[in-house]
Amino acid sequence: MNNLPEIVLVCSIAYLIGSIPTGVIVTKFAKGVDIRSYGSGSSGATNVARTLGPKLGGLVLILDIFKGYISIYIISLIANAYWIIPFSGFLLVLGHCYPIYIKFRGGKGITTGFGTLIFLSPIAMALSLIGVSIAIITRYISLGSIIGTLLSLLSLLFFSIYGIFGSKYEDLLYCIPVGLIILLRHKSNFLRLIRGNEGKLENKASPKKKQN
């Protein structure tokens, strides 16, 4: 993979795979609804779990993690330049957040980002589990997601700059843009947390109209 057309092809495939709207497909098949018309309007696992229940939310979560991990693993087998791997990871997350198939209205990047991070830096990924603990304790999935993401991506940033735990400088092509996208996608969650009206993940949820 030494020429531009091959690089463009691989990067395009990464974005298109990331764009597969797992949450929309699962909820359409299982419940006959478009999850983007409910809750936060996101197609991600959190909104599915909060709106239609933890079982469907868990299924979407697993599929999105798998989508991120298996895709970047396959890309690593065919890429002969390392920078293509983290950059493709970024494109997978970009596709998840802004999927071309459903008018660029996707998820918030956490689960697909988690899957790609498992491959790029298991140690940085492990730090994101702190966010899981926060989400379980507070019942605010968005709060746990934001904190976990910041911890993992900032640690990967540090690892990349100093070349420790197997990380390389090229990993900056992943952690910087992915961090910015995820923070941008959680802007509304930030505002609701500040106002005190952010939705919690309850034990049993029912569909509700999309929040403004």
Protein backbone atom coordinates (compact mmCIF):
# COMPACT_ATOMS: atom_id res chain seq x y z
CA MET A 1 0.00 0.00 0.00
CA ASN A 2 2.35 2.65 -1.29
CA ASN A 3 0.20 4.71 -3.62
CA LEU A 4 -2.44 7.32 -2.98
CA PRO A 5 -5.42 5.47 -4.54
CA GLU A 6 -4.91 2.49 -2.22
CA ILE A 7 -4.63 4.73 0.83
CA VAL A 8 -7.78 6.64 -0.15
CA LEU A 9 -9.61 3.34 -0.69
CA VAL A 10 -8.70 1.98 2.75
CA CYS A 11 -9.58 5.25 4.48
CA SER A 12 -12.90 5.44 2.62
CA ILE A 13 -13.76 1.89 3.63
CA ALA A 14 -12.97 2.73 7.27
CA TYR A 15 -15.37 5.67 7.18
CA LEU A 16 -18.10 3.65 5.42
CA ILE A 17 -17.84 0.79 7.92
CA GLY A 18 -17.93 3.26 10.78
CA SER A 19 -21.06 4.73 9.21
CA ILE A 20 -23.02 1.48 9.57
CA PRO A 21 -25.86 2.65 11.89
CA THR A 22 -25.98 -0.26 14.31
CA GLY A 23 -28.42 1.40 16.70
CA VAL A 24 -30.86 2.31 13.93
CA ILE A 25 -30.70 -1.18 12.40
CA VAL A 26 -31.19 -2.99 15.72
CA THR A 27 -34.08 -0.82 16.92
CA LYS A 28 -35.82 -0.89 13.53
CA PHE A 29 -35.60 -4.68 13.46
CA ALA A 30 -36.48 -5.26 17.14
CA LYS A 31 -39.06 -2.55 17.79
CA GLY A 32 -39.93 -1.04 14.42
CA VAL A 33 -38.87 2.46 15.52
CA ASP A 34 -36.21 4.96 14.52
CA ILE A 35 -34.25 5.52 17.73
CA ARG A 36 -33.24 8.98 16.49
CA SER A 37 -36.83 10.12 17.06
CA TYR A 38 -36.58 9.36 20.79
CA GLY A 39 -34.58 10.48 23.79
CA SER A 40 -31.48 12.47 22.88
CA GLY A 41 -31.88 11.78 19.17
CA SER A 42 -28.62 9.83 19.07
CA SER A 43 -28.41 6.41 17.44
CA GLY A 44 -25.86 5.22 19.98
CA ALA A 45 -26.04 2.54 22.65
CA THR A 46 -26.72 4.96 25.51
CA ASN A 47 -29.86 6.38 23.94
CA VAL A 48 -31.03 2.90 22.97
CA ALA A 49 -30.54 1.65 26.54
CA ARG A 50 -32.18 4.68 28.13
CA THR A 51 -35.14 4.59 25.75
CA LEU A 52 -35.75 0.94 24.89
CA GLY A 53 -34.01 -0.88 27.72
CA PRO A 54 -30.59 -2.24 28.69
CA LYS A 55 -30.85 -5.45 26.65
CA LEU A 56 -31.10 -3.68 23.31
CA GLY A 57 -28.65 -1.04 24.50
CA GLY A 58 -26.17 -3.75 25.44
CA LEU A 59 -26.54 -5.41 22.05
CA VAL A 60 -25.84 -2.14 20.24
CA LEU A 61 -22.88 -1.49 22.53
CA ILE A 62 -21.31 -4.88 21.78
CA LEU A 63 -21.87 -4.56 18.03
CA ASP A 64 -20.37 -1.06 17.93
CA ILE A 65 -17.31 -2.13 19.93
CA PHE A 66 -16.88 -5.11 17.62
CA LYS A 67 -17.29 -2.81 14.59
CA GLY A 68 -14.44 -0.64 15.79
CA TYR A 69 -12.08 -3.41 16.89
CA ILE A 70 -12.42 -5.87 14.02
CA SER A 71 -12.23 -3.11 11.41
CA ILE A 72 -9.01 -1.59 12.69
CA TYR A 73 -7.54 -5.07 13.18
CA ILE A 74 -8.17 -5.96 9.53
CA ILE A 75 -6.75 -2.62 8.40
CA SER A 76 -3.60 -3.32 10.43
CA LEU A 77 -3.08 -6.51 8.42
CA ILE A 78 -3.04 -4.73 5.06
CA ALA A 79 -1.48 -1.37 5.96
CA ASN A 80 2.28 -1.15 5.47
CA ALA A 81 2.49 2.35 6.93
CA TYR A 82 1.61 2.58 10.61
CA TRP A 83 -0.02 6.03 10.40
CA ILE A 84 -2.84 4.55 8.31
CA ILE A 85 -3.98 2.45 11.30
CA PRO A 86 -4.68 5.24 13.85
CA PHE A 87 -5.98 7.52 11.10
CA SER A 88 -8.41 4.80 10.01
CA GLY A 89 -9.46 4.47 13.65
CA PHE A 90 -10.35 8.15 13.63
CA LEU A 91 -12.34 7.67 10.41
CA LEU A 92 -14.25 4.76 11.97
CA VAL A 93 -15.30 7.02 14.84
CA LEU A 94 -16.06 9.87 12.42
CA GLY A 95 -18.33 7.55 10.44
CA HIS A 96 -20.09 6.40 13.59
CA CYS A 97 -20.81 9.99 14.61
CA TYR A 98 -21.63 11.31 11.14
CA PRO A 99 -22.85 8.33 9.08
CA ILE A 100 -23.38 9.00 5.40
CA TYR A 101 -26.16 6.38 5.21
CA ILE A 102 -28.55 8.22 7.55
CA LYS A 103 -27.94 11.88 6.77
CA PHE A 104 -24.97 12.20 9.15
CA ARG A 105 -27.10 11.74 12.31
CA GLY A 106 -25.27 9.08 14.26
CA GLY A 107 -24.00 8.22 17.70
CA LYS A 108 -21.52 9.97 19.95
CA GLY A 109 -18.45 7.89 19.24
CA ILE A 110 -17.87 6.26 22.62
CA THR A 111 -18.42 2.59 21.79
CA THR A 112 -16.75 2.52 18.38
CA GLY A 113 -13.93 4.56 19.90
CA PHE A 114 -13.67 2.01 22.70
CA GLY A 115 -13.33 -0.78 20.15
CA THR A 116 -10.57 0.96 18.21
CA LEU A 117 -8.77 1.88 21.42
CA ILE A 118 -8.68 -1.76 22.53
CA PHE A 119 -6.45 -2.38 19.53
CA LEU A 120 -4.39 0.82 19.61
CA SER A 121 -3.67 0.95 23.35
CA PRO A 122 -5.16 -1.57 25.79
CA ILE A 123 -3.63 0.35 28.70
CA ALA A 124 -5.27 3.63 27.67
CA MET A 125 -8.50 1.73 27.10
CA ALA A 126 -8.33 0.28 30.61
CA LEU A 127 -8.30 3.80 32.05
CA SER A 128 -11.65 4.45 30.39
CA LEU A 129 -13.15 1.84 32.72
CA ILE A 130 -12.98 4.51 35.43
CA GLY A 131 -15.71 6.21 33.45
CA VAL A 132 -17.77 3.03 33.57
CA SER A 133 -17.53 3.04 37.37
CA ILE A 134 -18.63 6.68 37.46
CA ALA A 135 -21.58 5.91 35.20
CA ILE A 136 -22.66 3.00 37.41
CA ILE A 137 -22.40 5.05 40.61
CA THR A 138 -24.04 8.24 39.35
CA ARG A 139 -26.37 6.64 36.73
CA TYR A 140 -25.24 9.40 34.37
CA ILE A 141 -23.93 7.51 31.36
CA SER A 142 -22.87 10.73 29.64
CA LEU A 143 -20.78 11.83 32.62
CA GLY A 144 -18.99 8.50 32.77
CA SER A 145 -18.48 8.54 29.00
CA ILE A 146 -16.97 12.02 29.01
CA ILE A 147 -14.61 11.34 31.93
CA GLY A 148 -13.61 7.90 30.65
CA THR A 149 -12.92 9.26 27.18
CA LEU A 150 -10.84 12.16 28.45
CA LEU A 151 -8.77 9.88 30.69
CA SER A 152 -8.09 7.32 27.97
CA LEU A 153 -7.35 9.77 25.16
CA LEU A 154 -5.18 12.04 27.32
CA SER A 155 -3.20 9.01 28.44
CA LEU A 156 -2.77 7.89 24.80
CA LEU A 157 -1.66 11.43 23.98
CA PHE A 158 1.01 11.16 26.69
CA PHE A 159 2.03 7.65 25.62
CA SER A 160 2.32 8.77 21.98
CA ILE A 161 4.47 11.81 22.67
CA TYR A 162 6.89 9.87 24.87
CA GLY A 163 6.72 6.57 22.98
CA ILE A 164 5.81 4.38 25.94
CA PHE A 165 3.65 1.25 26.26
CA GLY A 166 4.13 0.60 22.55
CA SER A 167 2.44 3.82 21.46
CA LYS A 168 3.84 5.80 18.55
CA TYR A 169 3.82 9.44 17.58
CA GLU A 170 1.40 8.62 14.75
CA ASP A 171 -1.25 7.73 17.34
CA LEU A 172 -1.79 11.47 17.67
CA LEU A 173 -3.70 11.13 14.38
CA TYR A 174 -6.27 9.22 16.42
CA CYS A 175 -6.42 10.65 19.92
CA ILE A 176 -6.55 14.37 19.10
CA PRO A 177 -9.36 14.38 16.48
CA VAL A 178 -11.34 11.65 18.23
CA GLY A 179 -11.19 13.55 21.51
CA LEU A 180 -12.44 16.71 19.82
CA ILE A 181 -15.28 14.90 18.04
CA ILE A 182 -16.49 13.12 21.16
CA LEU A 183 -16.44 16.31 23.21
CA LEU A 184 -18.33 18.10 20.45
CA ARG A 185 -20.91 15.32 20.28
CA HIS A 186 -21.45 15.59 24.03
CA LYS A 187 -21.98 19.35 24.04
CA SER A 188 -25.71 19.00 24.74
CA ASN A 189 -24.96 16.54 27.56
CA PHE A 190 -22.60 19.07 29.14
CA LEU A 191 -25.34 21.68 29.10
CA ARG A 192 -27.95 19.32 30.57
CA LEU A 193 -25.54 18.21 33.31
CA ILE A 194 -24.95 21.85 34.22
CA ARG A 195 -28.70 22.55 34.25
CA GLY A 196 -29.36 19.39 36.23
CA ASN A 197 -31.80 17.83 33.75
CA GLU A 198 -29.58 15.22 32.13
CA GLY A 199 -31.35 11.87 31.86
CA LYS A 200 -30.16 8.96 33.98
CA LEU A 201 -30.01 5.32 32.96
CA GLU A 202 -32.86 3.87 34.96
CA ASN A 203 -33.45 0.20 35.56
CA LYS A 204 -36.41 0.24 33.23
CA ALA A 205 -36.93 2.85 30.53
CA SER A 206 -39.74 3.59 28.12
CA PRO A 207 -39.74 5.44 24.79
CA LYS A 208 -40.09 9.19 24.97
CA LYS A 209 -40.15 12.00 22.49
CA LYS A 210 -36.90 13.50 21.34
CA GLN A 211 -35.44 16.08 23.71
CA ASN A 212 -34.85 19.62 22.48
